[in-house]
Amino acid sequence: MRTENLIAATANRARDIQASILPFMAVHAVVLLSIVFGGSRLEADGVQLALATFAVLGSIWLTLVVDGAIADIAAGSKDMDEEMAASHIGQNWAKAPFGLFRVIGPVFTVLLLIAELMALYA
């Protein structure tokens, strides 16, 4: 792959990750604010279920987007030409622990969801 195409493709996928941060934070901020200020209104007519579904489905969707972007960026690290691979940034890119990044995101998301669901249904 030509260097220009590689940089453009990985930059696009990095923007996908950046674009996922705000919706992820918004989903969990809504859940947190609902838990803190919802009180007994959360128990009425399936509000808890709707909020839990919103948190879980939103988290799954955004986690999949970020995981796919990380996978593509990791694949890009294998497509570097020799000049880029020999540069300092290319060397850092080649040794980045993308597998660990792909595990940490979902694990943290699951832990956050567990905490939210425990608080929501407590």
C-alpha atoms as a PDB file:
ATOM      1  CA  MET A   1       0.000   0.000   0.000  1.00  0.00           C
ATOM      2  CA  ARG A   2       1.278   3.458  -0.829  1.00  0.00           C
ATOM      3  CA  THR A   3       2.230   5.522   2.205  1.00  0.00           C
ATOM      4  CA  GLU A   4      -0.268   8.274   1.369  1.00  0.00           C
ATOM      5  CA  ASN A   5      -3.131   5.765   1.202  1.00  0.00           C
ATOM      6  CA  LEU A   6      -2.014   4.056   4.398  1.00  0.00           C
ATOM      7  CA  ILE A   7      -1.856   7.332   6.295  1.00  0.00           C
ATOM      8  CA  ALA A   8      -5.258   8.412   4.957  1.00  0.00           C
ATOM      9  CA  ALA A   9      -6.911   5.086   5.809  1.00  0.00           C
ATOM     10  CA  THR A  10      -5.522   4.923   9.327  1.00  0.00           C
ATOM     11  CA  ALA A  11      -6.310   8.607   9.919  1.00  0.00           C
ATOM     12  CA  ASN A  12      -9.928   7.927   8.928  1.00  0.00           C
ATOM     13  CA  ARG A  13     -10.142   5.007  11.338  1.00  0.00           C
ATOM     14  CA  ALA A  14      -8.523   7.099  14.091  1.00  0.00           C
ATOM     15  CA  ARG A  15     -11.250   9.702  13.491  1.00  0.00           C
ATOM     16  CA  ASP A  16     -13.829   6.927  13.887  1.00  0.00           C
ATOM     17  CA  ILE A  17     -12.410   6.225  17.337  1.00  0.00           C
ATOM     18  CA  GLN A  18     -12.394   9.916  18.225  1.00  0.00           C
ATOM     19  CA  ALA A  19     -15.974  10.296  16.977  1.00  0.00           C
ATOM     20  CA  SER A  20     -17.075   7.401  19.211  1.00  0.00           C
ATOM     21  CA  ILE A  21     -15.829   8.978  22.429  1.00  0.00           C
ATOM     22  CA  LEU A  22     -18.541  11.643  22.764  1.00  0.00           C
ATOM     23  CA  PRO A  23     -21.497   9.274  22.174  1.00  0.00           C
ATOM     24  CA  PHE A  24     -19.975   6.746  24.593  1.00  0.00           C
ATOM     25  CA  MET A  25     -19.594   9.417  27.254  1.00  0.00           C
ATOM     26  CA  ALA A  26     -23.102  10.724  26.572  1.00  0.00           C
ATOM     27  CA  VAL A  27     -24.672   7.271  26.941  1.00  0.00           C
ATOM     28  CA  HIS A  28     -23.007   6.678  30.270  1.00  0.00           C
ATOM     29  CA  ALA A  29     -23.579  10.240  31.497  1.00  0.00           C
ATOM     30  CA  VAL A  30     -27.318   9.806  30.844  1.00  0.00           C
ATOM     31  CA  VAL A  31     -27.303   6.531  32.752  1.00  0.00           C
ATOM     32  CA  LEU A  32     -25.339   8.046  35.638  1.00  0.00           C
ATOM     33  CA  LEU A  33     -27.570  11.109  35.870  1.00  0.00           C
ATOM     34  CA  SER A  34     -30.654   8.898  35.706  1.00  0.00           C
ATOM     35  CA  ILE A  35     -29.356   6.740  38.541  1.00  0.00           C
ATOM     36  CA  VAL A  36     -28.423   9.737  40.684  1.00  0.00           C
ATOM     37  CA  PHE A  37     -31.495  11.876  40.060  1.00  0.00           C
ATOM     38  CA  GLY A  38     -34.096   9.339  38.893  1.00  0.00           C
ATOM     39  CA  GLY A  39     -35.095   8.009  42.285  1.00  0.00           C
ATOM     40  CA  SER A  40     -38.414   6.184  42.378  1.00  0.00           C
ATOM     41  CA  ARG A  41     -39.288   7.365  38.844  1.00  0.00           C
ATOM     42  CA  LEU A  42     -36.896   4.715  37.505  1.00  0.00           C
ATOM     43  CA  GLU A  43     -39.172   1.955  38.768  1.00  0.00           C
ATOM     44  CA  ALA A  44     -42.188   3.078  36.738  1.00  0.00           C
ATOM     45  CA  ASP A  45     -43.332   1.217  33.615  1.00  0.00           C
ATOM     46  CA  GLY A  46     -40.091  -0.310  32.405  1.00  0.00           C
ATOM     47  CA  VAL A  47     -37.922   2.785  32.677  1.00  0.00           C
ATOM     48  CA  GLN A  48     -35.109   0.723  34.205  1.00  0.00           C
ATOM     49  CA  LEU A  49     -35.283  -1.784  31.368  1.00  0.00           C
ATOM     50  CA  ALA A  50     -35.291   0.956  28.741  1.00  0.00           C
ATOM     51  CA  LEU A  51     -32.315   2.678  30.359  1.00  0.00           C
ATOM     52  CA  ALA A  52     -30.418  -0.595  30.743  1.00  0.00           C
ATOM     53  CA  THR A  53     -31.127  -1.490  27.113  1.00  0.00           C
ATOM     54  CA  PHE A  54     -29.962   1.951  26.000  1.00  0.00           C
ATOM     55  CA  ALA A  55     -26.706   1.559  27.931  1.00  0.00           C
ATOM     56  CA  VAL A  56     -26.001  -2.010  26.816  1.00  0.00           C
ATOM     57  CA  LEU A  57     -26.871  -1.613  23.134  1.00  0.00           C
ATOM     58  CA  GLY A  58     -25.138   1.762  22.867  1.00  0.00           C
ATOM     59  CA  SER A  59     -22.030   0.326  24.494  1.00  0.00           C
ATOM     60  CA  ILE A  60     -21.984  -2.746  22.271  1.00  0.00           C
ATOM     61  CA  TRP A  61     -22.354  -0.645  19.128  1.00  0.00           C
ATOM     62  CA  LEU A  62     -19.639   1.823  20.081  1.00  0.00           C
ATOM     63  CA  THR A  63     -17.296  -0.926  21.304  1.00  0.00           C
ATOM     64  CA  LEU A  64     -17.640  -2.711  17.965  1.00  0.00           C
ATOM     65  CA  VAL A  65     -16.882   0.501  16.061  1.00  0.00           C
ATOM     66  CA  VAL A  66     -13.762   1.166  18.121  1.00  0.00           C
ATOM     67  CA  ASP A  67     -12.606  -2.456  17.966  1.00  0.00           C
ATOM     68  CA  GLY A  68     -12.948  -2.492  14.187  1.00  0.00           C
ATOM     69  CA  ALA A  69     -10.991   0.737  13.926  1.00  0.00           C
ATOM     70  CA  ILE A  70      -8.217  -0.613  16.158  1.00  0.00           C
ATOM     71  CA  ALA A  71      -8.073  -3.786  14.042  1.00  0.00           C
ATOM     72  CA  ASP A  72      -7.716  -1.710  10.873  1.00  0.00           C
ATOM     73  CA  ILE A  73      -5.026   0.489  12.397  1.00  0.00           C
ATOM     74  CA  ALA A  74      -3.171  -2.643  13.521  1.00  0.00           C
ATOM     75  CA  ALA A  75      -3.423  -4.034   9.991  1.00  0.00           C
ATOM     76  CA  GLY A  76      -2.054  -0.746   8.709  1.00  0.00           C
ATOM     77  CA  SER A  77       1.033  -1.193  10.836  1.00  0.00           C
ATOM     78  CA  LYS A  78       1.805  -4.291   8.761  1.00  0.00           C
ATOM     79  CA  ASP A  79       1.388  -2.434   5.460  1.00  0.00           C
ATOM     80  CA  MET A  80       4.143   0.146   5.998  1.00  0.00           C
ATOM     81  CA  ASP A  81       6.755   0.543   3.304  1.00  0.00           C
ATOM     82  CA  GLU A  82      10.411   0.174   4.270  1.00  0.00           C
ATOM     83  CA  GLU A  83      11.039   3.892   4.645  1.00  0.00           C
ATOM     84  CA  MET A  84       8.119   4.389   7.000  1.00  0.00           C
ATOM     85  CA  ALA A  85       8.873   1.177   8.907  1.00  0.00           C
ATOM     86  CA  ALA A  86      12.433   2.411   9.490  1.00  0.00           C
ATOM     87  CA  SER A  87      11.276   5.753  10.928  1.00  0.00           C
ATOM     88  CA  HIS A  88      10.836   6.240  14.670  1.00  0.00           C
ATOM     89  CA  ILE A  89       7.087   6.567  14.392  1.00  0.00           C
ATOM     90  CA  GLY A  90       6.964   3.479  12.190  1.00  0.00           C
ATOM     91  CA  GLN A  91       8.936   1.513  14.771  1.00  0.00           C
ATOM     92  CA  ASN A  92       6.577   2.655  17.537  1.00  0.00           C
ATOM     93  CA  TRP A  93       3.562   1.811  15.401  1.00  0.00           C
ATOM     94  CA  ALA A  94       4.900  -1.663  14.646  1.00  0.00           C
ATOM     95  CA  LYS A  95       5.407  -2.500  18.321  1.00  0.00           C
ATOM     96  CA  ALA A  96       2.141  -1.033  19.658  1.00  0.00           C
ATOM     97  CA  PRO A  97       0.156  -3.651  21.614  1.00  0.00           C
ATOM     98  CA  PHE A  98      -2.983  -3.556  19.460  1.00  0.00           C
ATOM     99  CA  GLY A  99      -4.191  -6.902  20.814  1.00  0.00           C
ATOM    100  CA  LEU A 100      -4.103  -5.482  24.326  1.00  0.00           C
ATOM    101  CA  PHE A 101      -5.979  -2.370  23.174  1.00  0.00           C
ATOM    102  CA  ARG A 102      -8.656  -4.601  21.647  1.00  0.00           C
ATOM    103  CA  VAL A 103      -9.070  -6.451  24.953  1.00  0.00           C
ATOM    104  CA  ILE A 104      -8.940  -3.470  27.323  1.00  0.00           C
ATOM    105  CA  GLY A 105     -11.774  -1.536  25.634  1.00  0.00           C
ATOM    106  CA  PRO A 106     -14.420  -4.259  25.884  1.00  0.00           C
ATOM    107  CA  VAL A 107     -13.287  -5.314  29.372  1.00  0.00           C
ATOM    108  CA  PHE A 108     -13.592  -1.767  30.717  1.00  0.00           C
ATOM    109  CA  THR A 109     -16.928  -1.340  28.964  1.00  0.00           C
ATOM    110  CA  VAL A 110     -18.284  -4.560  30.496  1.00  0.00           C
ATOM    111  CA  LEU A 111     -17.076  -3.520  33.956  1.00  0.00           C
ATOM    112  CA  LEU A 112     -18.713  -0.113  33.549  1.00  0.00           C
ATOM    113  CA  LEU A 113     -21.972  -1.725  32.414  1.00  0.00           C
ATOM    114  CA  ILE A 114     -21.943  -4.147  35.338  1.00  0.00           C
ATOM    115  CA  ALA A 115     -21.510  -1.259  37.767  1.00  0.00           C
ATOM    116  CA  GLU A 116     -24.286   0.727  36.073  1.00  0.00           C
ATOM    117  CA  LEU A 117     -26.692  -2.200  35.993  1.00  0.00           C
ATOM    118  CA  MET A 118     -25.996  -3.016  39.637  1.00  0.00           C
ATOM    119  CA  ALA A 119     -26.690   0.607  40.593  1.00  0.00           C
ATOM    120  CA  LEU A 120     -29.747   0.773  38.363  1.00  0.00           C
ATOM    121  CA  TYR A 121     -31.341  -2.376  39.782  1.00  0.00           C
ATOM    122  CA  ALA A 122     -30.173  -1.949  43.395  1.00  0.00           C
END
